[in-house]
Amino acid sequence: MDKRQLEAAIAELKMDYISLQGDIEKLESTGHADSVHKAEQRLAAMEVKLAELNKELQRFS
């Protein structure tokens, strides 16, 4: 990936992360504990991916 592609991937992943956070808040307010747990696991995986992408982006700095 080039720098522009990495930046786009990071931006997209951040948007997905924010959206998922909102979904978790809704699930918590309606008492769907299993779904909240799964969504939190997805958030953790997204955080790992963001760290990887940011590390790769640093190569261009």
PDB file of N, CA and C in Angstrom:
ATOM      1  N   MET A   1       0.831  -1.183   0.000  1.00  0.00           N
ATOM      2  CA  MET A   1       0.000   0.000   0.000  1.00  0.00           C
ATOM      3  C   MET A   1       0.873   1.242   0.000  1.00  0.00           C
ATOM      4  N   ASP A   2       0.413   2.236  -0.711  1.00  0.00           N
ATOM      5  CA  ASP A   2       1.128   3.500  -0.652  1.00  0.00           C
ATOM      6  C   ASP A   2       0.537   4.355   0.472  1.00  0.00           C
ATOM      7  N   LYS A   3       1.127   5.510   0.683  1.00  0.00           N
ATOM      8  CA  LYS A   3       0.730   6.372   1.805  1.00  0.00           C
ATOM      9  C   LYS A   3      -0.741   6.769   1.715  1.00  0.00           C
ATOM     10  N   ARG A   4      -1.185   7.131   0.547  1.00  0.00           N
ATOM     11  CA  ARG A   4      -2.577   7.566   0.366  1.00  0.00           C
ATOM     12  C   ARG A   4      -3.558   6.431   0.664  1.00  0.00           C
ATOM     13  N   GLN A   5      -3.220   5.231   0.221  1.00  0.00           N
ATOM     14  CA  GLN A   5      -4.079   4.073   0.482  1.00  0.00           C
ATOM     15  C   GLN A   5      -4.137   3.760   1.977  1.00  0.00           C
ATOM     16  N   LEU A   6      -2.991   3.869   2.643  1.00  0.00           N
ATOM     17  CA  LEU A   6      -2.959   3.634   4.085  1.00  0.00           C
ATOM     18  C   LEU A   6      -3.807   4.655   4.823  1.00  0.00           C
ATOM     19  N   GLU A   7      -3.671   5.911   4.444  1.00  0.00           N
ATOM     20  CA  GLU A   7      -4.456   6.963   5.090  1.00  0.00           C
ATOM     21  C   GLU A   7      -5.952   6.736   4.878  1.00  0.00           C
ATOM     22  N   ALA A   8      -6.332   6.299   3.689  1.00  0.00           N
ATOM     23  CA  ALA A   8      -7.743   6.019   3.406  1.00  0.00           C
ATOM     24  C   ALA A   8      -8.231   4.828   4.228  1.00  0.00           C
ATOM     25  N   ALA A   9      -7.412   3.788   4.330  1.00  0.00           N
ATOM     26  CA  ALA A   9      -7.784   2.606   5.114  1.00  0.00           C
ATOM     27  C   ALA A   9      -7.941   2.968   6.588  1.00  0.00           C
ATOM     28  N   ILE A  10      -7.047   3.804   7.095  1.00  0.00           N
ATOM     29  CA  ILE A  10      -7.122   4.245   8.493  1.00  0.00           C
ATOM     30  C   ILE A  10      -8.389   5.061   8.722  1.00  0.00           C
ATOM     31  N   ALA A  11      -8.680   5.978   7.823  1.00  0.00           N
ATOM     32  CA  ALA A  11      -9.873   6.815   7.954  1.00  0.00           C
ATOM     33  C   ALA A  11     -11.143   5.963   7.933  1.00  0.00           C
ATOM     34  N   GLU A  12     -11.189   4.993   7.045  1.00  0.00           N
ATOM     35  CA  GLU A  12     -12.359   4.117   6.951  1.00  0.00           C
ATOM     36  C   GLU A  12     -12.514   3.284   8.218  1.00  0.00           C
ATOM     37  N   LEU A  13     -11.418   2.754   8.710  1.00  0.00           N
ATOM     38  CA  LEU A  13     -11.467   1.939   9.919  1.00  0.00           C
ATOM     39  C   LEU A  13     -11.897   2.775  11.124  1.00  0.00           C
ATOM     40  N   LYS A  14     -11.443   4.023  11.179  1.00  0.00           N
ATOM     41  CA  LYS A  14     -11.856   4.914  12.272  1.00  0.00           C
ATOM     42  C   LYS A  14     -13.356   5.182  12.213  1.00  0.00           C
ATOM     43  N   MET A  15     -13.887   5.382  11.018  1.00  0.00           N
ATOM     44  CA  MET A  15     -15.329   5.608  10.874  1.00  0.00           C
ATOM     45  C   MET A  15     -16.118   4.376  11.317  1.00  0.00           C
ATOM     46  N   ASP A  16     -15.644   3.192  10.929  1.00  0.00           N
ATOM     47  CA  ASP A  16     -16.291   1.951  11.345  1.00  0.00           C
ATOM     48  C   ASP A  16     -16.231   1.792  12.864  1.00  0.00           C
ATOM     49  N   TYR A  17     -15.107   2.180  13.442  1.00  0.00           N
ATOM     50  CA  TYR A  17     -14.904   2.085  14.887  1.00  0.00           C
ATOM     51  C   TYR A  17     -15.911   2.973  15.614  1.00  0.00           C
ATOM     52  N   ILE A  18     -16.056   4.202  15.148  1.00  0.00           N
ATOM     53  CA  ILE A  18     -16.995   5.142  15.766  1.00  0.00           C
ATOM     54  C   ILE A  18     -18.427   4.631  15.640  1.00  0.00           C
ATOM     55  N   SER A  19     -18.756   4.102  14.490  1.00  0.00           N
ATOM     56  CA  SER A  19     -20.090   3.553  14.267  1.00  0.00           C
ATOM     57  C   SER A  19     -20.363   2.387  15.213  1.00  0.00           C
ATOM     58  N   LEU A  20     -19.382   1.520  15.360  1.00  0.00           N
ATOM     59  CA  LEU A  20     -19.544   0.367  16.235  1.00  0.00           C
ATOM     60  C   LEU A  20     -19.682   0.793  17.691  1.00  0.00           C
ATOM     61  N   GLN A  21     -18.974   1.836  18.088  1.00  0.00           N
ATOM     62  CA  GLN A  21     -19.122   2.363  19.446  1.00  0.00           C
ATOM     63  C   GLN A  21     -20.565   2.803  19.692  1.00  0.00           C
ATOM     64  N   GLY A  22     -21.157   3.463  18.720  1.00  0.00           N
ATOM     65  CA  GLY A  22     -22.558   3.879  18.827  1.00  0.00           C
ATOM     66  C   GLY A  22     -23.488   2.693  18.923  1.00  0.00           C
ATOM     67  N   ASP A  23     -23.202   1.665  18.140  1.00  0.00           N
ATOM     68  CA  ASP A  23     -24.009   0.444  18.192  1.00  0.00           C
ATOM     69  C   ASP A  23     -23.926  -0.201  19.566  1.00  0.00           C
ATOM     70  N   ILE A  24     -22.738  -0.204  20.144  1.00  0.00           N
ATOM     71  CA  ILE A  24     -22.557  -0.798  21.473  1.00  0.00           C
ATOM     72  C   ILE A  24     -23.391  -0.050  22.502  1.00  0.00           C
ATOM     73  N   GLU A  25     -23.394   1.281  22.422  1.00  0.00           N
ATOM     74  CA  GLU A  25     -24.189   2.065  23.361  1.00  0.00           C
ATOM     75  C   GLU A  25     -25.668   1.708  23.256  1.00  0.00           C
ATOM     76  N   LYS A  26     -26.142   1.535  22.040  1.00  0.00           N
ATOM     77  CA  LYS A  26     -27.549   1.153  21.845  1.00  0.00           C
ATOM     78  C   LYS A  26     -27.807  -0.239  22.398  1.00  0.00           C
ATOM     79  N   LEU A  27     -26.893  -1.172  22.140  1.00  0.00           N
ATOM     80  CA  LEU A  27     -27.063  -2.538  22.631  1.00  0.00           C
ATOM     81  C   LEU A  27     -27.049  -2.585  24.158  1.00  0.00           C
ATOM     82  N   GLU A  28     -26.176  -1.792  24.755  1.00  0.00           N
ATOM     83  CA  GLU A  28     -26.104  -1.752  26.217  1.00  0.00           C
ATOM     84  C   GLU A  28     -27.403  -1.227  26.810  1.00  0.00           C
ATOM     85  N   SER A  29     -27.954  -0.221  26.176  1.00  0.00           N
ATOM     86  CA  SER A  29     -29.182   0.377  26.717  1.00  0.00           C
ATOM     87  C   SER A  29     -30.386  -0.544  26.570  1.00  0.00           C
ATOM     88  N   THR A  30     -30.299  -1.512  25.667  1.00  0.00           N
ATOM     89  CA  THR A  30     -31.413  -2.450  25.481  1.00  0.00           C
ATOM     90  C   THR A  30     -31.146  -3.807  26.114  1.00  0.00           C
ATOM     91  N   GLY A  31     -29.994  -3.958  26.784  1.00  0.00           N
ATOM     92  CA  GLY A  31     -29.717  -5.177  27.532  1.00  0.00           C
ATOM     93  C   GLY A  31     -29.286  -6.385  26.717  1.00  0.00           C
ATOM     94  N   HIS A  32     -28.608  -6.186  25.631  1.00  0.00           N
ATOM     95  CA  HIS A  32     -28.137  -7.296  24.789  1.00  0.00           C
ATOM     96  C   HIS A  32     -26.660  -7.592  25.108  1.00  0.00           C
ATOM     97  N   ALA A  33     -26.415  -8.240  26.236  1.00  0.00           N
ATOM     98  CA  ALA A  33     -25.059  -8.458  26.738  1.00  0.00           C
ATOM     99  C   ALA A  33     -24.200  -9.277  25.778  1.00  0.00           C
ATOM    100  N   ASP A  34     -24.752 -10.326  25.192  1.00  0.00           N
ATOM    101  CA  ASP A  34     -23.965 -11.160  24.264  1.00  0.00           C
ATOM    102  C   ASP A  34     -23.504 -10.351  23.051  1.00  0.00           C
ATOM    103  N   SER A  35     -24.398  -9.569  22.516  1.00  0.00           N
ATOM    104  CA  SER A  35     -24.055  -8.746  21.356  1.00  0.00           C
ATOM    105  C   SER A  35     -23.028  -7.683  21.717  1.00  0.00           C
ATOM    106  N   VAL A  36     -23.141  -7.131  22.926  1.00  0.00           N
ATOM    107  CA  VAL A  36     -22.174  -6.132  23.387  1.00  0.00           C
ATOM    108  C   VAL A  36     -20.796  -6.756  23.467  1.00  0.00           C
ATOM    109  N   HIS A  37     -20.724  -7.955  24.018  1.00  0.00           N
ATOM    110  CA  HIS A  37     -19.431  -8.634  24.155  1.00  0.00           C
ATOM    111  C   HIS A  37     -18.796  -8.879  22.785  1.00  0.00           C
ATOM    112  N   LYS A  38     -19.575  -9.351  21.840  1.00  0.00           N
ATOM    113  CA  LYS A  38     -19.058  -9.596  20.492  1.00  0.00           C
ATOM    114  C   LYS A  38     -18.596  -8.298  19.835  1.00  0.00           C
ATOM    115  N   ALA A  39     -19.370  -7.236  20.019  1.00  0.00           N
ATOM    116  CA  ALA A  39     -19.006  -5.950  19.434  1.00  0.00           C
ATOM    117  C   ALA A  39     -17.728  -5.407  20.068  1.00  0.00           C
ATOM    118  N   GLU A  40     -17.578  -5.609  21.367  1.00  0.00           N
ATOM    119  CA  GLU A  40     -16.355  -5.169  22.040  1.00  0.00           C
ATOM    120  C   GLU A  40     -15.141  -5.934  21.529  1.00  0.00           C
ATOM    121  N   GLN A  41     -15.327  -7.204  21.221  1.00  0.00           N
ATOM    122  CA  GLN A  41     -14.238  -7.992  20.637  1.00  0.00           C
ATOM    123  C   GLN A  41     -13.869  -7.441  19.264  1.00  0.00           C
ATOM    124  N   ARG A  42     -14.871  -7.039  18.499  1.00  0.00           N
ATOM    125  CA  ARG A  42     -14.608  -6.438  17.181  1.00  0.00           C
ATOM    126  C   ARG A  42     -13.861  -5.123  17.334  1.00  0.00           C
ATOM    127  N   LEU A  43     -14.220  -4.329  18.353  1.00  0.00           N
ATOM    128  CA  LEU A  43     -13.507  -3.080  18.610  1.00  0.00           C
ATOM    129  C   LEU A  43     -12.040  -3.354  18.908  1.00  0.00           C
ATOM    130  N   ALA A  44     -11.783  -4.369  19.727  1.00  0.00           N
ATOM    131  CA  ALA A  44     -10.402  -4.715  20.074  1.00  0.00           C
ATOM    132  C   ALA A  44      -9.619  -5.109  18.823  1.00  0.00           C
ATOM    133  N   ALA A  45     -10.243  -5.880  17.943  1.00  0.00           N
ATOM    134  CA  ALA A  45      -9.584  -6.286  16.700  1.00  0.00           C
ATOM    135  C   ALA A  45      -9.308  -5.065  15.814  1.00  0.00           C
ATOM    136  N   MET A  46     -10.247  -4.123  15.802  1.00  0.00           N
ATOM    137  CA  MET A  46     -10.053  -2.899  15.020  1.00  0.00           C
ATOM    138  C   MET A  46      -8.894  -2.084  15.577  1.00  0.00           C
ATOM    139  N   GLU A  47      -8.763  -2.050  16.891  1.00  0.00           N
ATOM    140  CA  GLU A  47      -7.664  -1.313  17.515  1.00  0.00           C
ATOM    141  C   GLU A  47      -6.317  -1.896  17.117  1.00  0.00           C
ATOM    142  N   VAL A  48      -6.249  -3.220  17.067  1.00  0.00           N
ATOM    143  CA  VAL A  48      -5.009  -3.894  16.648  1.00  0.00           C
ATOM    144  C   VAL A  48      -4.699  -3.542  15.192  1.00  0.00           C
ATOM    145  N   LYS A  49      -5.707  -3.587  14.343  1.00  0.00           N
ATOM    146  CA  LYS A  49      -5.521  -3.278  12.924  1.00  0.00           C
ATOM    147  C   LYS A  49      -5.098  -1.820  12.738  1.00  0.00           C
ATOM    148  N   LEU A  50      -5.726  -0.907  13.504  1.00  0.00           N
ATOM    149  CA  LEU A  50      -5.341   0.505  13.423  1.00  0.00           C
ATOM    150  C   LEU A  50      -3.882   0.694  13.821  1.00  0.00           C
ATOM    151  N   ALA A  51      -3.451   0.007  14.853  1.00  0.00           N
ATOM    152  CA  ALA A  51      -2.056   0.106  15.291  1.00  0.00           C
ATOM    153  C   ALA A  51      -1.123  -0.380  14.194  1.00  0.00           C
ATOM    154  N   GLU A  52      -1.491  -1.479  13.543  1.00  0.00           N
ATOM    155  CA  GLU A  52      -0.674  -2.021  12.455  1.00  0.00           C
ATOM    156  C   GLU A  52      -0.591  -1.033  11.295  1.00  0.00           C
ATOM    157  N   LEU A  53      -1.735  -0.472  10.919  1.00  0.00           N
ATOM    158  CA  LEU A  53      -1.759   0.472   9.804  1.00  0.00           C
ATOM    159  C   LEU A  53      -0.971   1.735  10.129  1.00  0.00           C
ATOM    160  N   ASN A  54      -1.116   2.241  11.350  1.00  0.00           N
ATOM    161  CA  ASN A  54      -0.366   3.432  11.750  1.00  0.00           C
ATOM    162  C   ASN A  54       1.133   3.173  11.766  1.00  0.00           C
ATOM    163  N   LYS A  55       1.518   1.978  12.195  1.00  0.00           N
ATOM    164  CA  LYS A  55       2.929   1.617  12.194  1.00  0.00           C
ATOM    165  C   LYS A  55       3.453   1.574  10.755  1.00  0.00           C
ATOM    166  N   GLU A  56       2.672   1.012   9.874  1.00  0.00           N
ATOM    167  CA  GLU A  56       3.063   0.941   8.462  1.00  0.00           C
ATOM    168  C   GLU A  56       3.131   2.347   7.855  1.00  0.00           C
ATOM    169  N   LEU A  57       2.204   3.220   8.266  1.00  0.00           N
ATOM    170  CA  LEU A  57       2.191   4.600   7.766  1.00  0.00           C
ATOM    171  C   LEU A  57       3.426   5.365   8.195  1.00  0.00           C
ATOM    172  N   GLN A  58       3.976   5.042   9.350  1.00  0.00           N
ATOM    173  CA  GLN A  58       5.168   5.708   9.850  1.00  0.00           C
ATOM    174  C   GLN A  58       6.371   5.504   8.931  1.00  0.00           C
ATOM    175  N   ARG A  59       6.358   4.442   8.158  1.00  0.00           N
ATOM    176  CA  ARG A  59       7.443   4.204   7.209  1.00  0.00           C
ATOM    177  C   ARG A  59       7.580   5.351   6.215  1.00  0.00           C
ATOM    178  N   PHE A  60       6.477   6.038   5.949  1.00  0.00           N
ATOM    179  CA  PHE A  60       6.461   7.108   4.952  1.00  0.00           C
ATOM    180  C   PHE A  60       6.844   8.456   5.546  1.00  0.00           C
ATOM    181  N   SER A  61       6.988   8.516   6.851  1.00  0.00           N
ATOM    182  CA  SER A  61       7.319   9.798   7.506  1.00  0.00           C
ATOM    183  C   SER A  61       8.806  10.033   7.576  1.00  0.00           C
TER     184      SER A  61
END
